[in-house]
Amino acid sequence: MSMKRQYSFPEGHWDWIVELTHHHAVRAGNLVFTGEQVDLDPQGNVRNIGDLASQCRNSMRYMERLFDDLGVDFADLVRLIAYYVGTAEDEARLMSQLAETIGPEVRPVISMINMPEL
């Protein structure tokens, strides 16, 4: 027996420059899976180049919109992977910003992956 799936691609959400047939998130029963959320605009243009705090804030806003669309919130989050470019100090600031955004109700597993470039 398969679960009914609910897909999410909210109006005005970021998109790629090329045409793809995908959704940003899917819900099947109590499980929600999202793709990576990035600081792009609906036309696929990169926003806030070099501003990690703004990129994080905007990416998490996109995540929140997906969660709202699928009837969940950050309290339901169990795992988050954050890819970033930066230093150890940037990682600490980013982790603090993520904790503030997610809120104190939940403690998801957060994997921070430093990349040479994205």
PDB file of N, CA and C in Angstrom:
ATOM      1  N   MET A   1       0.839  -1.178   0.000  1.00  0.00           N
ATOM      2  CA  MET A   1       0.000   0.000   0.000  1.00  0.00           C
ATOM      3  C   MET A   1       0.889   1.248   0.000  1.00  0.00           C
ATOM      4  N   SER A   2       0.673   2.136  -0.934  1.00  0.00           N
ATOM      5  CA  SER A   2       1.491   3.345  -0.999  1.00  0.00           C
ATOM      6  C   SER A   2       0.789   4.511  -0.311  1.00  0.00           C
ATOM      7  N   MET A   3       1.602   5.402   0.256  1.00  0.00           N
ATOM      8  CA  MET A   3       1.069   6.589   0.924  1.00  0.00           C
ATOM      9  C   MET A   3       0.797   7.681  -0.108  1.00  0.00           C
ATOM     10  N   LYS A   4      -0.254   8.443   0.141  1.00  0.00           N
ATOM     11  CA  LYS A   4      -0.530   9.595  -0.700  1.00  0.00           C
ATOM     12  C   LYS A   4       0.586  10.612  -0.506  1.00  0.00           C
ATOM     13  N   ARG A   5       1.051  11.182  -1.588  1.00  0.00           N
ATOM     14  CA  ARG A   5       2.121  12.179  -1.519  1.00  0.00           C
ATOM     15  C   ARG A   5       1.570  13.573  -1.778  1.00  0.00           C
ATOM     16  N   GLN A   6       2.122  14.519  -1.035  1.00  0.00           N
ATOM     17  CA  GLN A   6       1.787  15.930  -1.211  1.00  0.00           C
ATOM     18  C   GLN A   6       3.081  16.640  -1.577  1.00  0.00           C
ATOM     19  N   TYR A   7       3.093  17.332  -2.705  1.00  0.00           N
ATOM     20  CA  TYR A   7       4.290  18.007  -3.186  1.00  0.00           C
ATOM     21  C   TYR A   7       4.199  19.506  -2.922  1.00  0.00           C
ATOM     22  N   SER A   8       5.364  20.145  -2.794  1.00  0.00           N
ATOM     23  CA  SER A   8       5.391  21.576  -2.531  1.00  0.00           C
ATOM     24  C   SER A   8       6.379  22.290  -3.450  1.00  0.00           C
ATOM     25  N   PHE A   9       5.870  23.312  -4.103  1.00  0.00           N
ATOM     26  CA  PHE A   9       6.670  24.268  -4.870  1.00  0.00           C
ATOM     27  C   PHE A   9       5.902  25.585  -4.804  1.00  0.00           C
ATOM     28  N   PRO A  10       6.028  26.302  -3.650  1.00  0.00           N
ATOM     29  CA  PRO A  10       5.217  27.508  -3.427  1.00  0.00           C
ATOM     30  C   PRO A  10       5.444  28.585  -4.491  1.00  0.00           C
ATOM     31  N   GLU A  11       4.394  29.334  -4.730  1.00  0.00           N
ATOM     32  CA  GLU A  11       4.466  30.485  -5.643  1.00  0.00           C
ATOM     33  C   GLU A  11       5.583  31.426  -5.203  1.00  0.00           C
ATOM     34  N   GLY A  12       6.424  31.861  -6.132  1.00  0.00           N
ATOM     35  CA  GLY A  12       7.495  32.803  -5.826  1.00  0.00           C
ATOM     36  C   GLY A  12       8.722  32.170  -5.185  1.00  0.00           C
ATOM     37  N   HIS A  13       8.729  30.827  -5.044  1.00  0.00           N
ATOM     38  CA  HIS A  13       9.878  30.145  -4.459  1.00  0.00           C
ATOM     39  C   HIS A  13      11.050  30.225  -5.428  1.00  0.00           C
ATOM     40  N   TRP A  14      12.265  30.044  -4.918  1.00  0.00           N
ATOM     41  CA  TRP A  14      13.423  30.099  -5.807  1.00  0.00           C
ATOM     42  C   TRP A  14      13.310  28.992  -6.853  1.00  0.00           C
ATOM     43  N   ASP A  15      13.965  29.204  -7.968  1.00  0.00           N
ATOM     44  CA  ASP A  15      13.916  28.234  -9.058  1.00  0.00           C
ATOM     45  C   ASP A  15      15.262  28.224  -9.767  1.00  0.00           C
ATOM     46  N   TRP A  16      15.456  27.220 -10.577  1.00  0.00           N
ATOM     47  CA  TRP A  16      16.670  27.111 -11.387  1.00  0.00           C
ATOM     48  C   TRP A  16      16.535  27.978 -12.631  1.00  0.00           C
ATOM     49  N   ILE A  17      17.659  28.274 -13.263  1.00  0.00           N
ATOM     50  CA  ILE A  17      17.653  29.027 -14.517  1.00  0.00           C
ATOM     51  C   ILE A  17      17.106  28.158 -15.641  1.00  0.00           C
ATOM     52  N   VAL A  18      17.355  26.846 -15.591  1.00  0.00           N
ATOM     53  CA  VAL A  18      16.874  25.913 -16.612  1.00  0.00           C
ATOM     54  C   VAL A  18      15.567  25.284 -16.148  1.00  0.00           C
ATOM     55  N   GLU A  19      14.739  24.861 -17.086  1.00  0.00           N
ATOM     56  CA  GLU A  19      13.454  24.247 -16.783  1.00  0.00           C
ATOM     57  C   GLU A  19      13.650  22.819 -16.260  1.00  0.00           C
ATOM     58  N   LEU A  20      13.130  22.567 -15.071  1.00  0.00           N
ATOM     59  CA  LEU A  20      13.188  21.230 -14.476  1.00  0.00           C
ATOM     60  C   LEU A  20      11.796  20.841 -13.990  1.00  0.00           C
ATOM     61  N   THR A  21      11.550  19.567 -13.950  1.00  0.00           N
ATOM     62  CA  THR A  21      10.280  19.083 -13.401  1.00  0.00           C
ATOM     63  C   THR A  21      10.559  18.496 -12.031  1.00  0.00           C
ATOM     64  N   HIS A  22      10.559  19.342 -11.031  1.00  0.00           N
ATOM     65  CA  HIS A  22      10.835  18.903  -9.665  1.00  0.00           C
ATOM     66  C   HIS A  22       9.979  19.705  -8.696  1.00  0.00           C
ATOM     67  N   HIS A  23       9.983  19.266  -7.471  1.00  0.00           N
ATOM     68  CA  HIS A  23       9.334  19.993  -6.390  1.00  0.00           C
ATOM     69  C   HIS A  23      10.394  20.211  -5.317  1.00  0.00           C
ATOM     70  N   HIS A  24      10.192  21.192  -4.484  1.00  0.00           N
ATOM     71  CA  HIS A  24      11.163  21.482  -3.428  1.00  0.00           C
ATOM     72  C   HIS A  24      10.994  20.582  -2.218  1.00  0.00           C
ATOM     73  N   ALA A  25       9.805  20.007  -2.067  1.00  0.00           N
ATOM     74  CA  ALA A  25       9.569  19.137  -0.913  1.00  0.00           C
ATOM     75  C   ALA A  25       8.422  18.189  -1.226  1.00  0.00           C
ATOM     76  N   VAL A  26       8.397  17.083  -0.480  1.00  0.00           N
ATOM     77  CA  VAL A  26       7.311  16.116  -0.604  1.00  0.00           C
ATOM     78  C   VAL A  26       6.970  15.593   0.785  1.00  0.00           C
ATOM     79  N   ARG A  27       5.682  15.383   1.003  1.00  0.00           N
ATOM     80  CA  ARG A  27       5.220  14.782   2.256  1.00  0.00           C
ATOM     81  C   ARG A  27       4.530  13.474   1.922  1.00  0.00           C
ATOM     82  N   ALA A  28       4.907  12.420   2.644  1.00  0.00           N
ATOM     83  CA  ALA A  28       4.260  11.115   2.529  1.00  0.00           C
ATOM     84  C   ALA A  28       3.942  10.662   3.945  1.00  0.00           C
ATOM     85  N   GLY A  29       2.671  10.729   4.310  1.00  0.00           N
ATOM     86  CA  GLY A  29       2.296  10.412   5.687  1.00  0.00           C
ATOM     87  C   GLY A  29       2.906  11.425   6.635  1.00  0.00           C
ATOM     88  N   ASN A  30       3.645  10.942   7.637  1.00  0.00           N
ATOM     89  CA  ASN A  30       4.292  11.833   8.606  1.00  0.00           C
ATOM     90  C   ASN A  30       5.712  12.214   8.220  1.00  0.00           C
ATOM     91  N   LEU A  31       6.180  11.779   7.060  1.00  0.00           N
ATOM     92  CA  LEU A  31       7.540  12.076   6.623  1.00  0.00           C
ATOM     93  C   LEU A  31       7.538  13.221   5.614  1.00  0.00           C
ATOM     94  N   VAL A  32       8.475  14.147   5.797  1.00  0.00           N
ATOM     95  CA  VAL A  32       8.653  15.254   4.869  1.00  0.00           C
ATOM     96  C   VAL A  32      10.112  15.278   4.447  1.00  0.00           C
ATOM     97  N   PHE A  33      10.343  15.347   3.156  1.00  0.00           N
ATOM     98  CA  PHE A  33      11.697  15.440   2.610  1.00  0.00           C
ATOM     99  C   PHE A  33      11.787  16.708   1.779  1.00  0.00           C
ATOM    100  N   THR A  34      12.887  17.440   1.956  1.00  0.00           N
ATOM    101  CA  THR A  34      13.093  18.660   1.183  1.00  0.00           C
ATOM    102  C   THR A  34      14.398  18.547   0.399  1.00  0.00           C
ATOM    103  N   GLY A  35      14.455  19.283  -0.689  1.00  0.00           N
ATOM    104  CA  GLY A  35      15.711  19.454  -1.386  1.00  0.00           C
ATOM    105  C   GLY A  35      16.466  20.594  -0.738  1.00  0.00           C
ATOM    106  N   GLU A  36      17.676  20.827  -1.217  1.00  0.00           N
ATOM    107  CA  GLU A  36      18.452  21.929  -0.662  1.00  0.00           C
ATOM    108  C   GLU A  36      17.737  23.239  -0.907  1.00  0.00           C
ATOM    109  N   GLN A  37      17.832  24.133   0.048  1.00  0.00           N
ATOM    110  CA  GLN A  37      17.272  25.475  -0.098  1.00  0.00           C
ATOM    111  C   GLN A  37      18.445  26.450  -0.143  1.00  0.00           C
ATOM    112  N   VAL A  38      18.398  27.320  -1.122  1.00  0.00           N
ATOM    113  CA  VAL A  38      19.501  28.244  -1.365  1.00  0.00           C
ATOM    114  C   VAL A  38      18.956  29.658  -1.527  1.00  0.00           C
ATOM    115  N   ASP A  39      19.828  30.619  -1.530  1.00  0.00           N
ATOM    116  CA  ASP A  39      19.424  32.013  -1.652  1.00  0.00           C
ATOM    117  C   ASP A  39      19.438  32.437  -3.120  1.00  0.00           C
ATOM    118  N   LEU A  40      18.479  31.896  -3.872  1.00  0.00           N
ATOM    119  CA  LEU A  40      18.262  32.293  -5.260  1.00  0.00           C
ATOM    120  C   LEU A  40      16.898  32.973  -5.339  1.00  0.00           C
ATOM    121  N   ASP A  41      16.692  33.736  -6.402  1.00  0.00           N
ATOM    122  CA  ASP A  41      15.375  34.325  -6.612  1.00  0.00           C
ATOM    123  C   ASP A  41      14.558  33.409  -7.530  1.00  0.00           C
ATOM    124  N   PRO A  42      13.293  33.753  -7.802  1.00  0.00           N
ATOM    125  CA  PRO A  42      12.469  32.887  -8.649  1.00  0.00           C
ATOM    126  C   PRO A  42      12.983  32.720 -10.081  1.00  0.00           C
ATOM    127  N   GLN A  43      13.918  33.579 -10.506  1.00  0.00           N
ATOM    128  CA  GLN A  43      14.505  33.443 -11.846  1.00  0.00           C
ATOM    129  C   GLN A  43      15.831  32.681 -11.818  1.00  0.00           C
ATOM    130  N   GLY A  44      16.273  32.244 -10.633  1.00  0.00           N
ATOM    131  CA  GLY A  44      17.504  31.473 -10.516  1.00  0.00           C
ATOM    132  C   GLY A  44      18.751  32.304 -10.309  1.00  0.00           C
ATOM    133  N   ASN A  45      18.603  33.584 -10.018  1.00  0.00           N
ATOM    134  CA  ASN A  45      19.754  34.453  -9.786  1.00  0.00           C
ATOM    135  C   ASN A  45      20.209  34.357  -8.338  1.00  0.00           C
ATOM    136  N   VAL A  46      21.528  34.296  -8.126  1.00  0.00           N
ATOM    137  CA  VAL A  46      22.096  34.237  -6.782  1.00  0.00           C
ATOM    138  C   VAL A  46      21.898  35.580  -6.096  1.00  0.00           C
ATOM    139  N   ARG A  47      21.448  35.526  -4.846  1.00  0.00           N
ATOM    140  CA  ARG A  47      21.282  36.743  -4.053  1.00  0.00           C
ATOM    141  C   ARG A  47      22.341  36.773  -2.952  1.00  0.00           C
ATOM    142  N   ASN A  48      22.666  37.943  -2.471  1.00  0.00           N
ATOM    143  CA  ASN A  48      23.527  38.147  -1.300  1.00  0.00           C
ATOM    144  C   ASN A  48      24.877  37.436  -1.379  1.00  0.00           C
ATOM    145  N   ILE A  49      25.552  37.572  -2.495  1.00  0.00           N
ATOM    146  CA  ILE A  49      26.867  36.946  -2.681  1.00  0.00           C
ATOM    147  C   ILE A  49      27.819  37.426  -1.593  1.00  0.00           C
ATOM    148  N   GLY A  50      28.462  36.488  -0.909  1.00  0.00           N
ATOM    149  CA  GLY A  50      29.429  36.808   0.132  1.00  0.00           C
ATOM    150  C   GLY A  50      28.823  37.150   1.482  1.00  0.00           C
ATOM    151  N   ASP A  51      27.506  37.103   1.606  1.00  0.00           N
ATOM    152  CA  ASP A  51      26.829  37.455   2.856  1.00  0.00           C
ATOM    153  C   ASP A  51      26.179  36.188   3.425  1.00  0.00           C
ATOM    154  N   LEU A  52      26.959  35.416   4.173  1.00  0.00           N
ATOM    155  CA  LEU A  52      26.517  34.117   4.683  1.00  0.00           C
ATOM    156  C   LEU A  52      25.283  34.243   5.577  1.00  0.00           C
ATOM    157  N   ALA A  53      25.218  35.266   6.403  1.00  0.00           N
ATOM    158  CA  ALA A  53      24.074  35.437   7.305  1.00  0.00           C
ATOM    159  C   ALA A  53      22.774  35.654   6.519  1.00  0.00           C
ATOM    160  N   SER A  54      22.813  36.487   5.503  1.00  0.00           N
ATOM    161  CA  SER A  54      21.614  36.725   4.689  1.00  0.00           C
ATOM    162  C   SER A  54      21.243  35.490   3.890  1.00  0.00           C
ATOM    163  N   GLN A  55      22.242  34.798   3.358  1.00  0.00           N
ATOM    164  CA  GLN A  55      21.957  33.580   2.608  1.00  0.00           C
ATOM    165  C   GLN A  55      21.308  32.530   3.506  1.00  0.00           C
ATOM    166  N   CYS A  56      21.805  32.385   4.718  1.00  0.00           N
ATOM    167  CA  CYS A  56      21.229  31.441   5.674  1.00  0.00           C
ATOM    168  C   CYS A  56      19.799  31.842   6.019  1.00  0.00           C
ATOM    169  N   ARG A  57      19.603  33.107   6.345  1.00  0.00           N
ATOM    170  CA  ARG A  57      18.267  33.599   6.707  1.00  0.00           C
ATOM    171  C   ARG A  57      17.268  33.331   5.577  1.00  0.00           C
ATOM    172  N   ASN A  58      17.637  33.655   4.352  1.00  0.00           N
ATOM    173  CA  ASN A  58      16.728  33.478   3.223  1.00  0.00           C
ATOM    174  C   ASN A  58      16.491  32.010   2.894  1.00  0.00           C
ATOM    175  N   SER A  59      17.514  31.184   3.006  1.00  0.00           N
ATOM    176  CA  SER A  59      17.349  29.750   2.764  1.00  0.00           C
ATOM    177  C   SER A  59      16.407  29.137   3.788  1.00  0.00           C
ATOM    178  N   MET A  60      16.537  29.554   5.039  1.00  0.00           N
ATOM    179  CA  MET A  60      15.655  29.028   6.080  1.00  0.00           C
ATOM    180  C   MET A  60      14.231  29.571   5.931  1.00  0.00           C
ATOM    181  N   ARG A  61      14.070  30.764   5.389  1.00  0.00           N
ATOM    182  CA  ARG A  61      12.720  31.276   5.082  1.00  0.00           C
ATOM    183  C   ARG A  61      12.070  30.411   4.016  1.00  0.00           C
ATOM    184  N   TYR A  62      12.847  30.035   3.008  1.00  0.00           N
ATOM    185  CA  TYR A  62      12.319  29.123   1.988  1.00  0.00           C
ATOM    186  C   TYR A  62      11.916  27.793   2.632  1.00  0.00           C
ATOM    187  N   MET A  63      12.749  27.293   3.529  1.00  0.00           N
ATOM    188  CA  MET A  63      12.429  26.042   4.215  1.00  0.00           C
ATOM    189  C   MET A  63      11.124  26.189   5.002  1.00  0.00           C
ATOM    190  N   GLU A  64      10.984  27.311   5.694  1.00  0.00           N
ATOM    191  CA  GLU A  64       9.778  27.554   6.480  1.00  0.00           C
ATOM    192  C   GLU A  64       8.530  27.593   5.583  1.00  0.00           C
ATOM    193  N   ARG A  65       8.654  28.174   4.405  1.00  0.00           N
ATOM    194  CA  ARG A  65       7.523  28.211   3.461  1.00  0.00           C
ATOM    195  C   ARG A  65       7.140  26.808   3.020  1.00  0.00           C
ATOM    196  N   LEU A  66       8.134  25.960   2.781  1.00  0.00           N
ATOM    197  CA  LEU A  66       7.844  24.573   2.419  1.00  0.00           C
ATOM    198  C   LEU A  66       7.129  23.864   3.561  1.00  0.00           C
ATOM    199  N   PHE A  67       7.648  24.040   4.769  1.00  0.00           N
ATOM    200  CA  PHE A  67       7.032  23.416   5.941  1.00  0.00           C
ATOM    201  C   PHE A  67       5.588  23.895   6.104  1.00  0.00           C
ATOM    202  N   ASP A  68       5.360  25.197   5.987  1.00  0.00           N
ATOM    203  CA  ASP A  68       3.999  25.736   6.095  1.00  0.00           C
ATOM    204  C   ASP A  68       3.086  25.085   5.063  1.00  0.00           C
ATOM    205  N   ASP A  69       3.579  24.983   3.843  1.00  0.00           N
ATOM    206  CA  ASP A  69       2.798  24.410   2.745  1.00  0.00           C
ATOM    207  C   ASP A  69       2.421  22.956   3.020  1.00  0.00           C
ATOM    208  N   LEU A  70       3.293  22.236   3.733  1.00  0.00           N
ATOM    209  CA  LEU A  70       3.063  20.815   3.988  1.00  0.00           C
ATOM    210  C   LEU A  70       2.506  20.539   5.385  1.00  0.00           C
ATOM    211  N   GLY A  71       2.199  21.587   6.135  1.00  0.00           N
ATOM    212  CA  GLY A  71       1.552  21.416   7.427  1.00  0.00           C
ATOM    213  C   GLY A  71       2.459  20.989   8.560  1.00  0.00           C
ATOM    214  N   VAL A  72       3.744  21.340   8.487  1.00  0.00           N
ATOM    215  CA  VAL A  72       4.690  21.043   9.567  1.00  0.00           C
ATOM    216  C   VAL A  72       5.431  22.335   9.915  1.00  0.00           C
ATOM    217  N   ASP A  73       6.316  22.273  10.901  1.00  0.00           N
ATOM    218  CA  ASP A  73       7.135  23.435  11.224  1.00  0.00           C
ATOM    219  C   ASP A  73       8.489  22.983  11.750  1.00  0.00           C
ATOM    220  N   PHE A  74       9.307  23.935  12.172  1.00  0.00           N
ATOM    221  CA  PHE A  74      10.652  23.596  12.615  1.00  0.00           C
ATOM    222  C   PHE A  74      10.659  22.648  13.813  1.00  0.00           C
ATOM    223  N   ALA A  75       9.595  22.622  14.592  1.00  0.00           N
ATOM    224  CA  ALA A  75       9.520  21.693  15.719  1.00  0.00           C
ATOM    225  C   ALA A  75       9.509  20.240  15.249  1.00  0.00           C
ATOM    226  N   ASP A  76       9.199  20.009  13.977  1.00  0.00           N
ATOM    227  CA  ASP A  76       9.175  18.655  13.408  1.00  0.00           C
ATOM    228  C   ASP A  76      10.501  18.263  12.764  1.00  0.00           C
ATOM    229  N   LEU A  77      11.447  19.180  12.706  1.00  0.00           N
ATOM    230  CA  LEU A  77      12.723  18.945  12.038  1.00  0.00           C
ATOM    231  C   LEU A  77      13.590  17.970  12.836  1.00  0.00           C
ATOM    232  N   VAL A  78      14.105  16.937  12.154  1.00  0.00           N
ATOM    233  CA  VAL A  78      14.983  15.977  12.831  1.00  0.00           C
ATOM    234  C   VAL A  78      16.409  16.003  12.286  1.00  0.00           C
ATOM    235  N   ARG A  79      16.592  16.486  11.046  1.00  0.00           N
ATOM    236  CA  ARG A  79      17.940  16.490  10.457  1.00  0.00           C
ATOM    237  C   ARG A  79      18.064  17.647   9.476  1.00  0.00           C
ATOM    238  N   LEU A  80      19.199  18.337   9.553  1.00  0.00           N
ATOM    239  CA  LEU A  80      19.490  19.445   8.656  1.00  0.00           C
ATOM    240  C   LEU A  80      20.948  19.361   8.249  1.00  0.00           C
ATOM    241  N   ILE A  81      21.211  19.462   6.964  1.00  0.00           N
ATOM    242  CA  ILE A  81      22.584  19.502   6.452  1.00  0.00           C
ATOM    243  C   ILE A  81      22.800  20.896   5.878  1.00  0.00           C
ATOM    244  N   ALA A  82      23.833  21.579   6.344  1.00  0.00           N
ATOM    245  CA  ALA A  82      24.133  22.936   5.877  1.00  0.00           C
ATOM    246  C   ALA A  82      25.489  22.933   5.170  1.00  0.00           C
ATOM    247  N   TYR A  83      25.488  23.211   3.884  1.00  0.00           N
ATOM    248  CA  TYR A  83      26.708  23.387   3.106  1.00  0.00           C
ATOM    249  C   TYR A  83      27.015  24.879   3.096  1.00  0.00           C
ATOM    250  N   TYR A  84      28.271  25.221   3.335  1.00  0.00           N
ATOM    251  CA  TYR A  84      28.636  26.636   3.386  1.00  0.00           C
ATOM    252  C   TYR A  84      30.087  26.805   2.991  1.00  0.00           C
ATOM    253  N   VAL A  85      30.452  28.021   2.647  1.00  0.00           N
ATOM    254  CA  VAL A  85      31.833  28.402   2.378  1.00  0.00           C
ATOM    255  C   VAL A  85      32.220  29.381   3.479  1.00  0.00           C
ATOM    256  N   GLY A  86      33.295  29.069   4.196  1.00  0.00           N
ATOM    257  CA  GLY A  86      33.702  29.985   5.254  1.00  0.00           C
ATOM    258  C   GLY A  86      34.702  29.376   6.212  1.00  0.00           C
ATOM    259  N   THR A  87      34.937  30.100   7.283  1.00  0.00           N
ATOM    260  CA  THR A  87      35.925  29.741   8.292  1.00  0.00           C
ATOM    261  C   THR A  87      35.255  29.050   9.480  1.00  0.00           C
ATOM    262  N   ALA A  88      36.062  28.658  10.460  1.00  0.00           N
ATOM    263  CA  ALA A  88      35.524  28.078  11.693  1.00  0.00           C
ATOM    264  C   ALA A  88      34.642  29.097  12.418  1.00  0.00           C
ATOM    265  N   GLU A  89      35.018  30.361  12.366  1.00  0.00           N
ATOM    266  CA  GLU A  89      34.201  31.412  12.982  1.00  0.00           C
ATOM    267  C   GLU A  89      32.856  31.538  12.264  1.00  0.00           C
ATOM    268  N   ASP A  90      32.889  31.424  10.928  1.00  0.00           N
ATOM    269  CA  ASP A  90      31.640  31.459  10.157  1.00  0.00           C
ATOM    270  C   ASP A  90      30.742  30.287  10.554  1.00  0.00           C
ATOM    271  N   GLU A  91      31.351  29.117  10.747  1.00  0.00           N
ATOM    272  CA  GLU A  91      30.573  27.939  11.142  1.00  0.00           C
ATOM    273  C   GLU A  91      29.881  28.166  12.483  1.00  0.00           C
ATOM    274  N   ALA A  92      30.586  28.740  13.427  1.00  0.00           N
ATOM    275  CA  ALA A  92      30.004  29.000  14.746  1.00  0.00           C
ATOM    276  C   ALA A  92      28.851  30.000  14.637  1.00  0.00           C
ATOM    277  N   ARG A  93      29.031  31.062  13.842  1.00  0.00           N
ATOM    278  CA  ARG A  93      27.964  32.048  13.656  1.00  0.00           C
ATOM    279  C   ARG A  93      26.767  31.417  12.937  1.00  0.00           C
ATOM    280  N   LEU A  94      27.051  30.601  11.942  1.00  0.00           N
ATOM    281  CA  LEU A  94      26.000  29.939  11.192  1.00  0.00           C
ATOM    282  C   LEU A  94      25.211  28.978  12.091  1.00  0.00           C
ATOM    283  N   MET A  95      25.910  28.216  12.923  1.00  0.00           N
ATOM    284  CA  MET A  95      25.237  27.290  13.834  1.00  0.00           C
ATOM    285  C   MET A  95      24.352  28.060  14.810  1.00  0.00           C
ATOM    286  N   SER A  96      24.840  29.180  15.315  1.00  0.00           N
ATOM    287  CA  SER A  96      24.053  30.010  16.222  1.00  0.00           C
ATOM    288  C   SER A  96      22.814  30.554  15.509  1.00  0.00           C
ATOM    289  N   GLN A  97      22.975  31.005  14.286  1.00  0.00           N
ATOM    290  CA  GLN A  97      21.856  31.541  13.519  1.00  0.00           C
ATOM    291  C   GLN A  97      20.823  30.445  13.242  1.00  0.00           C
ATOM    292  N   LEU A  98      21.284  29.251  12.894  1.00  0.00           N
ATOM    293  CA  LEU A  98      20.360  28.142  12.652  1.00  0.00           C
ATOM    294  C   LEU A  98      19.592  27.783  13.925  1.00  0.00           C
ATOM    295  N   ALA A  99      20.300  27.739  15.050  1.00  0.00           N
ATOM    296  CA  ALA A  99      19.646  27.422  16.327  1.00  0.00           C
ATOM    297  C   ALA A  99      18.581  28.454  16.658  1.00  0.00           C
ATOM    298  N   GLU A 100      18.884  29.719  16.429  1.00  0.00           N
ATOM    299  CA  GLU A 100      17.911  30.783  16.697  1.00  0.00           C
ATOM    300  C   GLU A 100      16.702  30.659  15.778  1.00  0.00           C
ATOM    301  N   THR A 101      16.930  30.341  14.513  1.00  0.00           N
ATOM    302  CA  THR A 101      15.847  30.210  13.538  1.00  0.00           C
ATOM    303  C   THR A 101      14.961  29.012  13.857  1.00  0.00           C
ATOM    304  N   ILE A 102      15.572  27.893  14.179  1.00  0.00           N
ATOM    305  CA  ILE A 102      14.821  26.657  14.449  1.00  0.00           C
ATOM    306  C   ILE A 102      14.045  26.767  15.752  1.00  0.00           C
ATOM    307  N   GLY A 103      14.622  27.437  16.729  1.00  0.00           N
ATOM    308  CA  GLY A 103      13.948  27.630  18.008  1.00  0.00           C
ATOM    309  C   GLY A 103      14.352  26.603  19.042  1.00  0.00           C
ATOM    310  N   PRO A 104      14.001  26.860  20.306  1.00  0.00           N
ATOM    311  CA  PRO A 104      14.461  26.009  21.408  1.00  0.00           C
ATOM    312  C   PRO A 104      13.656  24.727  21.617  1.00  0.00           C
ATOM    313  N   GLU A 105      12.534  24.560  20.910  1.00  0.00           N
ATOM    314  CA  GLU A 105      11.676  23.399  21.144  1.00  0.00           C
ATOM    315  C   GLU A 105      12.269  22.083  20.644  1.00  0.00           C
ATOM    316  N   VAL A 106      13.170  22.150  19.719  1.00  0.00           N
ATOM    317  CA  VAL A 106      13.675  20.935  19.076  1.00  0.00           C
ATOM    318  C   VAL A 106      15.189  21.022  18.912  1.00  0.00           C
ATOM    319  N   ARG A 107      15.837  19.898  18.929  1.00  0.00           N
ATOM    320  CA  ARG A 107      17.293  19.828  18.739  1.00  0.00           C
ATOM    321  C   ARG A 107      17.599  18.831  17.612  1.00  0.00           C
ATOM    322  N   PRO A 108      17.450  19.265  16.355  1.00  0.00           N
ATOM    323  CA  PRO A 108      17.726  18.340  15.255  1.00  0.00           C
ATOM    324  C   PRO A 108      19.225  18.076  15.114  1.00  0.00           C
ATOM    325  N   VAL A 109      19.546  17.005  14.446  1.00  0.00           N
ATOM    326  CA  VAL A 109      20.935  16.749  14.082  1.00  0.00           C
ATOM    327  C   VAL A 109      21.284  17.741  12.972  1.00  0.00           C
ATOM    328  N   ILE A 110      22.350  18.505  13.169  1.00  0.00           N
ATOM    329  CA  ILE A 110      22.788  19.464  12.152  1.00  0.00           C
ATOM    330  C   ILE A 110      24.201  19.089  11.732  1.00  0.00           C
ATOM    331  N   SER A 111      24.362  18.812  10.451  1.00  0.00           N
ATOM    332  CA  SER A 111      25.682  18.523   9.892  1.00  0.00           C
ATOM    333  C   SER A 111      26.145  19.749   9.122  1.00  0.00           C
ATOM    334  N   MET A 112      27.284  20.292   9.517  1.00  0.00           N
ATOM    335  CA  MET A 112      27.855  21.456   8.853  1.00  0.00           C
ATOM    336  C   MET A 112      28.952  20.967   7.910  1.00  0.00           C
ATOM    337  N   ILE A 113      28.822  21.272   6.631  1.00  0.00           N
ATOM    338  CA  ILE A 113      29.789  20.814   5.639  1.00  0.00           C
ATOM    339  C   ILE A 113      30.394  22.023   4.954  1.00  0.00           C
ATOM    340  N   ASN A 114      31.680  22.255   5.239  1.00  0.00           N
ATOM    341  CA  ASN A 114      32.414  23.372   4.668  1.00  0.00           C
ATOM    342  C   ASN A 114      32.912  22.980   3.281  1.00  0.00           C
ATOM    343  N   MET A 115      32.589  23.802   2.305  1.00  0.00           N
ATOM    344  CA  MET A 115      32.977  23.549   0.916  1.00  0.00           C
ATOM    345  C   MET A 115      33.953  24.639   0.454  1.00  0.00           C
ATOM    346  N   PRO A 116      34.862  24.325  -0.464  1.00  0.00           N
ATOM    347  CA  PRO A 116      35.749  25.362  -0.977  1.00  0.00           C
ATOM    348  C   PRO A 116      34.995  26.403  -1.795  1.00  0.00           C
ATOM    349  N   GLU A 117      33.895  25.997  -2.436  1.00  0.00           N
ATOM    350  CA  GLU A 117      33.020  26.904  -3.165  1.00  0.00           C
ATOM    351  C   GLU A 117      31.719  26.185  -3.455  1.00  0.00           C
ATOM    352  N   LEU A 118      30.691  26.957  -3.684  1.00  0.00           N
ATOM    353  CA  LEU A 118      29.389  26.391  -4.036  1.00  0.00           C
ATOM    354  C   LEU A 118      28.965  26.889  -5.398  1.00  0.00           C
TER     355      LEU A 118
END
